[in-house]
PDB file of N, CA and C in Angstrom:
ATOM      1  N   MET A   1      -1.696  11.053  10.849  1.00  0.00           N
ATOM      2  CA  MET A   1      -3.086  11.263  10.503  1.00  0.00           C
ATOM      3  C   MET A   1      -3.974  10.166  11.112  1.00  0.00           C
ATOM      4  N   PHE A   2      -3.420   8.960  11.211  1.00  0.00           N
ATOM      5  CA  PHE A   2      -4.181   7.840  11.773  1.00  0.00           C
ATOM      6  C   PHE A   2      -4.602   8.126  13.204  1.00  0.00           C
ATOM      7  N   ILE A   3      -3.718   8.730  13.981  1.00  0.00           N
ATOM      8  CA  ILE A   3      -4.013   8.992  15.391  1.00  0.00           C
ATOM      9  C   ILE A   3      -5.160   9.991  15.523  1.00  0.00           C
ATOM     10  N   LYS A   4      -5.221  10.958  14.631  1.00  0.00           N
ATOM     11  CA  LYS A   4      -6.303  11.945  14.687  1.00  0.00           C
ATOM     12  C   LYS A   4      -7.648  11.296  14.368  1.00  0.00           C
ATOM     13  N   ILE A   5      -7.660  10.397  13.410  1.00  0.00           N
ATOM     14  CA  ILE A   5      -8.889   9.669  13.078  1.00  0.00           C
ATOM     15  C   ILE A   5      -9.308   8.796  14.255  1.00  0.00           C
ATOM     16  N   LEU A   6      -8.353   8.154  14.889  1.00  0.00           N
ATOM     17  CA  LEU A   6      -8.640   7.320  16.053  1.00  0.00           C
ATOM     18  C   LEU A   6      -9.226   8.153  17.196  1.00  0.00           C
ATOM     19  N   ILE A   7      -8.683   9.333  17.422  1.00  0.00           N
ATOM     20  CA  ILE A   7      -9.190  10.223  18.472  1.00  0.00           C
ATOM     21  C   ILE A   7     -10.634  10.625  18.173  1.00  0.00           C
ATOM     22  N   VAL A   8     -10.935  10.964  16.935  1.00  0.00           N
ATOM     23  CA  VAL A   8     -12.298  11.343  16.560  1.00  0.00           C
ATOM     24  C   VAL A   8     -13.252  10.161  16.740  1.00  0.00           C
ATOM     25  N   LEU A   9     -12.820   8.963  16.365  1.00  0.00           N
ATOM     26  CA  LEU A   9     -13.665   7.783  16.540  1.00  0.00           C
ATOM     27  C   LEU A   9     -13.944   7.505  18.013  1.00  0.00           C
ATOM     28  N   VAL A  10     -12.943   7.693  18.861  1.00  0.00           N
ATOM     29  CA  VAL A  10     -13.148   7.495  20.296  1.00  0.00           C
ATOM     30  C   VAL A  10     -14.111   8.544  20.848  1.00  0.00           C
ATOM     31  N   LEU A  11     -14.007   9.781  20.397  1.00  0.00           N
ATOM     32  CA  LEU A  11     -14.943  10.820  20.827  1.00  0.00           C
ATOM     33  C   LEU A  11     -16.376  10.497  20.396  1.00  0.00           C
ATOM     34  N   ILE A  12     -16.534   9.943  19.199  1.00  0.00           N
ATOM     35  CA  ILE A  12     -17.858   9.529  18.733  1.00  0.00           C
ATOM     36  C   ILE A  12     -18.394   8.396  19.608  1.00  0.00           C
ATOM     37  N   ALA A  13     -17.524   7.458  20.001  1.00  0.00           N
ATOM     38  CA  ALA A  13     -17.950   6.370  20.887  1.00  0.00           C
ATOM     39  C   ALA A  13     -18.391   6.920  22.244  1.00  0.00           C
ATOM     40  N   ILE A  14     -17.695   7.935  22.741  1.00  0.00           N
ATOM     41  CA  ILE A  14     -18.087   8.553  24.011  1.00  0.00           C
ATOM     42  C   ILE A  14     -19.461   9.202  23.879  1.00  0.00           C
ATOM     43  N   LEU A  15     -19.710   9.892  22.777  1.00  0.00           N
ATOM     44  CA  LEU A  15     -21.020  10.507  22.556  1.00  0.00           C
ATOM     45  C   LEU A  15     -22.119   9.454  22.423  1.00  0.00           C
ATOM     46  N   PHE A  16     -21.814   8.349  21.764  1.00  0.00           N
ATOM     47  CA  PHE A  16     -22.788   7.266  21.634  1.00  0.00           C
ATOM     48  C   PHE A  16     -23.135   6.698  23.008  1.00  0.00           C
ATOM     49  N   SER A  17     -22.132   6.512  23.848  1.00  0.00           N
ATOM     50  CA  SER A  17     -22.363   6.008  25.200  1.00  0.00           C
ATOM     51  C   SER A  17     -23.170   7.014  26.020  1.00  0.00           C
ATOM     52  N   LEU A  18     -22.910   8.279  25.828  1.00  0.00           N
ATOM     53  CA  LEU A  18     -23.678   9.320  26.509  1.00  0.00           C
ATOM     54  C   LEU A  18     -25.148   9.265  26.097  1.00  0.00           C
ATOM     55  N   GLY A  19     -25.393   9.106  24.814  1.00  0.00           N
ATOM     56  CA  GLY A  19     -26.763   8.987  24.322  1.00  0.00           C
ATOM     57  C   GLY A  19     -27.457   7.739  24.844  1.00  0.00           C
ATOM     58  N   SER A  20     -26.720   6.651  24.915  1.00  0.00           N
ATOM     59  CA  SER A  20     -27.272   5.414  25.452  1.00  0.00           C
ATOM     60  C   SER A  20     -27.658   5.588  26.920  1.00  0.00           C
ATOM     61  N   GLY A  21     -26.807   6.245  27.682  1.00  0.00           N
ATOM     62  CA  GLY A  21     -27.115   6.503  29.082  1.00  0.00           C
ATOM     63  C   GLY A  21     -28.336   7.391  29.239  1.00  0.00           C
ATOM     64  N   LEU A  22     -28.463   8.399  28.383  1.00  0.00           N
ATOM     65  CA  LEU A  22     -29.627   9.277  28.427  1.00  0.00           C
ATOM     66  C   LEU A  22     -30.903   8.503  28.113  1.00  0.00           C
ATOM     67  N   TYR A  23     -30.831   7.618  27.134  1.00  0.00           N
ATOM     68  CA  TYR A  23     -31.992   6.810  26.774  1.00  0.00           C
ATOM     69  C   TYR A  23     -32.438   5.955  27.961  1.00  0.00           C
ATOM     70  N   HIS A  24     -31.489   5.277  28.605  1.00  0.00           N
ATOM     71  CA  HIS A  24     -31.828   4.409  29.727  1.00  0.00           C
ATOM     72  C   HIS A  24     -32.260   5.216  30.957  1.00  0.00           C
ATOM     73  N   LEU A  25     -31.778   6.434  31.076  1.00  0.00           N
ATOM     74  CA  LEU A  25     -32.194   7.297  32.178  1.00  0.00           C
ATOM     75  C   LEU A  25     -33.665   7.693  32.050  1.00  0.00           C
ATOM     76  N   THR A  26     -34.100   7.948  30.835  1.00  0.00           N
ATOM     77  CA  THR A  26     -35.482   8.369  30.623  1.00  0.00           C
ATOM     78  C   THR A  26     -36.471   7.213  30.657  1.00  0.00           C
ATOM     79  N   LYS A  27     -35.982   5.985  30.536  1.00  0.00           N
ATOM     80  CA  LYS A  27     -36.875   4.829  30.515  1.00  0.00           C
ATOM     81  C   LYS A  27     -37.363   4.422  31.897  1.00  0.00           C
ATOM     82  N   GLY A  28     -36.687   4.797  32.961  1.00  0.00           N
ATOM     83  CA  GLY A  28     -37.177   4.490  34.294  1.00  0.00           C
ATOM     84  C   GLY A  28     -36.264   3.561  35.068  1.00  0.00           C
ATOM     85  N   ARG A  29     -36.774   3.103  36.203  1.00  0.00           N
ATOM     86  CA  ARG A  29     -35.971   2.308  37.137  1.00  0.00           C
ATOM     87  C   ARG A  29     -35.578   0.940  36.604  1.00  0.00           C
ATOM     88  N   GLU A  30     -36.383   0.352  35.764  1.00  0.00           N
ATOM     89  CA  GLU A  30     -36.055  -0.993  35.277  1.00  0.00           C
ATOM     90  C   GLU A  30     -34.809  -1.018  34.382  1.00  0.00           C
ATOM     91  N   HIS A  31     -34.366   0.139  33.963  1.00  0.00           N
ATOM     92  CA  HIS A  31     -33.180   0.221  33.116  1.00  0.00           C
ATOM     93  C   HIS A  31     -31.964   0.762  33.884  1.00  0.00           C
ATOM     94  N   SER A  32     -31.998   0.724  35.195  1.00  0.00           N
ATOM     95  CA  SER A  32     -30.920   1.325  35.983  1.00  0.00           C
ATOM     96  C   SER A  32     -29.600   0.575  35.822  1.00  0.00           C
ATOM     97  N   THR A  33     -29.650  -0.744  35.632  1.00  0.00           N
ATOM     98  CA  THR A  33     -28.387  -1.479  35.450  1.00  0.00           C
ATOM     99  C   THR A  33     -27.746  -1.121  34.115  1.00  0.00           C
ATOM    100  N   ARG A  34     -28.569  -0.932  33.098  1.00  0.00           N
ATOM    101  CA  ARG A  34     -28.017  -0.535  31.798  1.00  0.00           C
ATOM    102  C   ARG A  34     -27.458   0.886  31.851  1.00  0.00           C
ATOM    103  N   LEU A  35     -28.100   1.727  32.636  1.00  0.00           N
ATOM    104  CA  LEU A  35     -27.597   3.086  32.828  1.00  0.00           C
ATOM    105  C   LEU A  35     -26.229   3.051  33.486  1.00  0.00           C
ATOM    106  N   ALA A  36     -26.075   2.212  34.499  1.00  0.00           N
ATOM    107  CA  ALA A  36     -24.783   2.080  35.183  1.00  0.00           C
ATOM    108  C   ALA A  36     -23.721   1.529  34.228  1.00  0.00           C
ATOM    109  N   LYS A  37     -24.099   0.592  33.383  1.00  0.00           N
ATOM    110  CA  LYS A  37     -23.151   0.042  32.404  1.00  0.00           C
ATOM    111  C   LYS A  37     -22.729   1.104  31.395  1.00  0.00           C
ATOM    112  N   ALA A  38     -23.687   1.922  30.951  1.00  0.00           N
ATOM    113  CA  ALA A  38     -23.367   2.983  29.999  1.00  0.00           C
ATOM    114  C   ALA A  38     -22.413   3.995  30.626  1.00  0.00           C
ATOM    115  N   LEU A  39     -22.628   4.316  31.897  1.00  0.00           N
ATOM    116  CA  LEU A  39     -21.733   5.231  32.599  1.00  0.00           C
ATOM    117  C   LEU A  39     -20.339   4.628  32.734  1.00  0.00           C
ATOM    118  N   THR A  40     -20.274   3.347  33.072  1.00  0.00           N
ATOM    119  CA  THR A  40     -18.983   2.665  33.204  1.00  0.00           C
ATOM    120  C   THR A  40     -18.237   2.644  31.878  1.00  0.00           C
ATOM    121  N   VAL A  41     -18.946   2.358  30.810  1.00  0.00           N
ATOM    122  CA  VAL A  41     -18.322   2.332  29.480  1.00  0.00           C
ATOM    123  C   VAL A  41     -17.801   3.713  29.113  1.00  0.00           C
ATOM    124  N   ARG A  42     -18.611   4.745  29.368  1.00  0.00           N
ATOM    125  CA  ARG A  42     -18.195   6.112  29.022  1.00  0.00           C
ATOM    126  C   ARG A  42     -16.959   6.538  29.800  1.00  0.00           C
ATOM    127  N   ILE A  43     -16.918   6.217  31.086  1.00  0.00           N
ATOM    128  CA  ILE A  43     -15.749   6.564  31.891  1.00  0.00           C
ATOM    129  C   ILE A  43     -14.519   5.800  31.413  1.00  0.00           C
ATOM    130  N   SER A  44     -14.693   4.529  31.101  1.00  0.00           N
ATOM    131  CA  SER A  44     -13.568   3.719  30.624  1.00  0.00           C
ATOM    132  C   SER A  44     -13.024   4.245  29.297  1.00  0.00           C
ATOM    133  N   ILE A  45     -13.916   4.582  28.392  1.00  0.00           N
ATOM    134  CA  ILE A  45     -13.482   5.118  27.096  1.00  0.00           C
ATOM    135  C   ILE A  45     -12.789   6.464  27.282  1.00  0.00           C
ATOM    136  N   SER A  46     -13.293   7.291  28.179  1.00  0.00           N
ATOM    137  CA  SER A  46     -12.679   8.601  28.425  1.00  0.00           C
ATOM    138  C   SER A  46     -11.273   8.461  29.003  1.00  0.00           C
ATOM    139  N   ILE A  47     -11.096   7.532  29.925  1.00  0.00           N
ATOM    140  CA  ILE A  47      -9.768   7.295  30.494  1.00  0.00           C
ATOM    141  C   ILE A  47      -8.832   6.760  29.425  1.00  0.00           C
ATOM    142  N   ALA A  48      -9.339   5.852  28.586  1.00  0.00           N
ATOM    143  CA  ALA A  48      -8.513   5.314  27.502  1.00  0.00           C
ATOM    144  C   ALA A  48      -8.102   6.425  26.531  1.00  0.00           C
ATOM    145  N   LEU A  49      -9.007   7.345  26.235  1.00  0.00           N
ATOM    146  CA  LEU A  49      -8.680   8.471  25.360  1.00  0.00           C
ATOM    147  C   LEU A  49      -7.601   9.350  25.989  1.00  0.00           C
ATOM    148  N   PHE A  50      -7.719   9.607  27.280  1.00  0.00           N
ATOM    149  CA  PHE A  50      -6.722  10.419  27.968  1.00  0.00           C
ATOM    150  C   PHE A  50      -5.348   9.760  27.900  1.00  0.00           C
ATOM    151  N   VAL A  51      -5.291   8.461  28.149  1.00  0.00           N
ATOM    152  CA  VAL A  51      -4.020   7.731  28.076  1.00  0.00           C
ATOM    153  C   VAL A  51      -3.490   7.742  26.643  1.00  0.00           C
ATOM    154  N   LEU A  52      -4.369   7.561  25.665  1.00  0.00           N
ATOM    155  CA  LEU A  52      -3.966   7.608  24.264  1.00  0.00           C
ATOM    156  C   LEU A  52      -3.366   8.965  23.913  1.00  0.00           C
ATOM    157  N   LEU A  53      -3.985  10.044  24.388  1.00  0.00           N
ATOM    158  CA  LEU A  53      -3.450  11.378  24.126  1.00  0.00           C
ATOM    159  C   LEU A  53      -2.084  11.574  24.773  1.00  0.00           C
ATOM    160  N   LEU A  54      -1.919  11.084  25.993  1.00  0.00           N
ATOM    161  CA  LEU A  54      -0.615  11.188  26.659  1.00  0.00           C
ATOM    162  C   LEU A  54       0.467  10.425  25.901  1.00  0.00           C
ATOM    163  N   ILE A  55       0.149   9.216  25.473  1.00  0.00           N
ATOM    164  CA  ILE A  55       1.122   8.404  24.735  1.00  0.00           C
ATOM    165  C   ILE A  55       1.441   9.045  23.389  1.00  0.00           C
ATOM    166  N   ALA A  56       0.402   9.530  22.695  1.00  0.00           N
ATOM    167  CA  ALA A  56       0.621  10.167  21.395  1.00  0.00           C
ATOM    168  C   ALA A  56       1.480  11.424  21.532  1.00  0.00           C
ATOM    169  N   PHE A  57       1.275  12.181  22.587  1.00  0.00           N
ATOM    170  CA  PHE A  57       2.099  13.365  22.817  1.00  0.00           C
ATOM    171  C   PHE A  57       3.532  12.980  23.162  1.00  0.00           C
ATOM    172  N   ALA A  58       3.693  11.971  24.012  1.00  0.00           N
ATOM    173  CA  ALA A  58       5.037  11.549  24.434  1.00  0.00           C
ATOM    174  C   ALA A  58       5.849  10.970  23.278  1.00  0.00           C
ATOM    175  N   THR A  59       5.193  10.306  22.345  1.00  0.00           N
ATOM    176  CA  THR A  59       5.906   9.706  21.218  1.00  0.00           C
ATOM    177  C   THR A  59       6.026  10.647  20.024  1.00  0.00           C
ATOM    178  N   GLY A  60       5.387  11.810  20.108  1.00  0.00           N
ATOM    179  CA  GLY A  60       5.502  12.788  19.036  1.00  0.00           C
ATOM    180  C   GLY A  60       4.495  12.608  17.909  1.00  0.00           C
ATOM    181  N   LEU A  61       3.487  11.779  18.119  1.00  0.00           N
ATOM    182  CA  LEU A  61       2.477  11.586  17.082  1.00  0.00           C
ATOM    183  C   LEU A  61       1.561  12.798  16.944  1.00  0.00           C
ATOM    184  N   ILE A  62       1.372  13.523  18.030  1.00  0.00           N
ATOM    185  CA  ILE A  62       0.620  14.773  17.974  1.00  0.00           C
ATOM    186  C   ILE A  62       1.486  15.867  18.594  1.00  0.00           C
ATOM    187  N   GLN A  63       1.321  17.073  18.100  1.00  0.00           N
ATOM    188  CA  GLN A  63       2.096  18.208  18.586  1.00  0.00           C
ATOM    189  C   GLN A  63       1.158  19.242  19.168  1.00  0.00           C
ATOM    190  N   PRO A  64       1.494  19.792  20.320  1.00  0.00           N
ATOM    191  CA  PRO A  64       0.642  20.848  20.871  1.00  0.00           C
ATOM    192  C   PRO A  64       0.804  22.135  20.064  1.00  0.00           C
ATOM    193  N   HIS A  65      -0.275  22.865  19.955  1.00  0.00           N
ATOM    194  CA  HIS A  65      -0.248  24.162  19.292  1.00  0.00           C
ATOM    195  C   HIS A  65      -1.452  24.954  19.776  1.00  0.00           C
ATOM    196  N   GLY A  66      -1.436  26.216  19.523  1.00  0.00           N
ATOM    197  CA  GLY A  66      -2.614  26.985  19.874  1.00  0.00           C
ATOM    198  C   GLY A  66      -2.342  28.313  20.507  1.00  0.00           C
ATOM    199  N   ILE A  67      -3.071  28.587  21.533  1.00  0.00           N
ATOM    200  CA  ILE A  67      -3.165  29.919  22.113  1.00  0.00           C
ATOM    201  C   ILE A  67      -1.832  30.444  22.633  1.00  0.00           C
ATOM    202  N   ARG A  68      -1.072  29.638  23.299  1.00  0.00           N
ATOM    203  CA  ARG A  68       0.177  30.102  23.910  1.00  0.00           C
ATOM    204  C   ARG A  68       1.145  30.637  22.862  1.00  0.00           C
ATOM    205  N   GLU A  69       1.289  29.955  21.745  1.00  0.00           N
ATOM    206  CA  GLU A  69       2.188  30.419  20.694  1.00  0.00           C
ATOM    207  C   GLU A  69       1.723  31.757  20.127  1.00  0.00           C
ATOM    208  N   GLY A  70       0.400  31.907  19.970  1.00  0.00           N
ATOM    209  CA  GLY A  70      -0.135  33.165  19.459  1.00  0.00           C
ATOM    210  C   GLY A  70       0.123  34.317  20.411  1.00  0.00           C
ATOM    211  N   LEU A  71       0.020  34.068  21.709  1.00  0.00           N
ATOM    212  CA  LEU A  71       0.267  35.111  22.702  1.00  0.00           C
ATOM    213  C   LEU A  71       1.738  35.519  22.716  1.00  0.00           C
ATOM    214  N   VAL A  72       2.622  34.558  22.590  1.00  0.00           N
ATOM    215  CA  VAL A  72       4.065  34.852  22.586  1.00  0.00           C
ATOM    216  C   VAL A  72       4.404  35.692  21.359  1.00  0.00           C
ATOM    217  N   GLN A  73       3.851  35.364  20.211  1.00  0.00           N
ATOM    218  CA  GLN A  73       4.120  36.117  18.995  1.00  0.00           C
ATOM    219  C   GLN A  73       3.579  37.537  19.106  1.00  0.00           C
ATOM    220  N   GLU A  74       2.406  37.710  19.702  1.00  0.00           N
ATOM    221  CA  GLU A  74       1.841  39.047  19.875  1.00  0.00           C
ATOM    222  C   GLU A  74       2.696  39.876  20.820  1.00  0.00           C
ATOM    223  N   GLU A  75       3.211  39.292  21.884  1.00  0.00           N
ATOM    224  CA  GLU A  75       4.056  40.006  22.838  1.00  0.00           C
ATOM    225  C   GLU A  75       5.353  40.454  22.153  1.00  0.00           C
ATOM    226  N   GLN A  76       5.925  39.598  21.323  1.00  0.00           N
ATOM    227  CA  GLN A  76       7.153  39.946  20.639  1.00  0.00           C
ATOM    228  C   GLN A  76       6.905  41.083  19.630  1.00  0.00           C
ATOM    229  N   THR A  77       5.768  41.072  18.969  1.00  0.00           N
ATOM    230  CA  THR A  77       5.417  42.111  18.014  1.00  0.00           C
ATOM    231  C   THR A  77       5.187  43.438  18.727  1.00  0.00           C
ATOM    232  N   ASP A  78       4.550  43.393  19.892  1.00  0.00           N
ATOM    233  CA  ASP A  78       4.296  44.613  20.670  1.00  0.00           C
ATOM    234  C   ASP A  78       5.592  45.254  21.148  1.00  0.00           C
ATOM    235  N   LYS A  79       6.586  44.470  21.491  1.00  0.00           N
ATOM    236  CA  LYS A  79       7.854  44.988  22.004  1.00  0.00           C
ATOM    237  C   LYS A  79       8.661  45.687  20.908  1.00  0.00           C
ATOM    238  N   GLN A  80       8.459  45.285  19.670  1.00  0.00           N
ATOM    239  CA  GLN A  80       9.219  45.882  18.567  1.00  0.00           C
ATOM    240  C   GLN A  80       8.563  47.146  18.164  1.00  0.00           C
TER     241      GLN A  80
END
């Protein structure tokens, strides 16, 4: 459960960085360095989230689920 909370917190940080970049974008040229910093932070956090997801999947902290399992079950039901 801790890993899921951590993932949500990282996603919130990415959204905060996105909002910060939007704010500095609308302020004009004098804020261009802050805009670049916000973009750098957002990219760094996104890469860290991707690595975190890979590690969590590899160690079994999160399990994949979703559409593929539902399709396989529907195909098996149709064949019967």
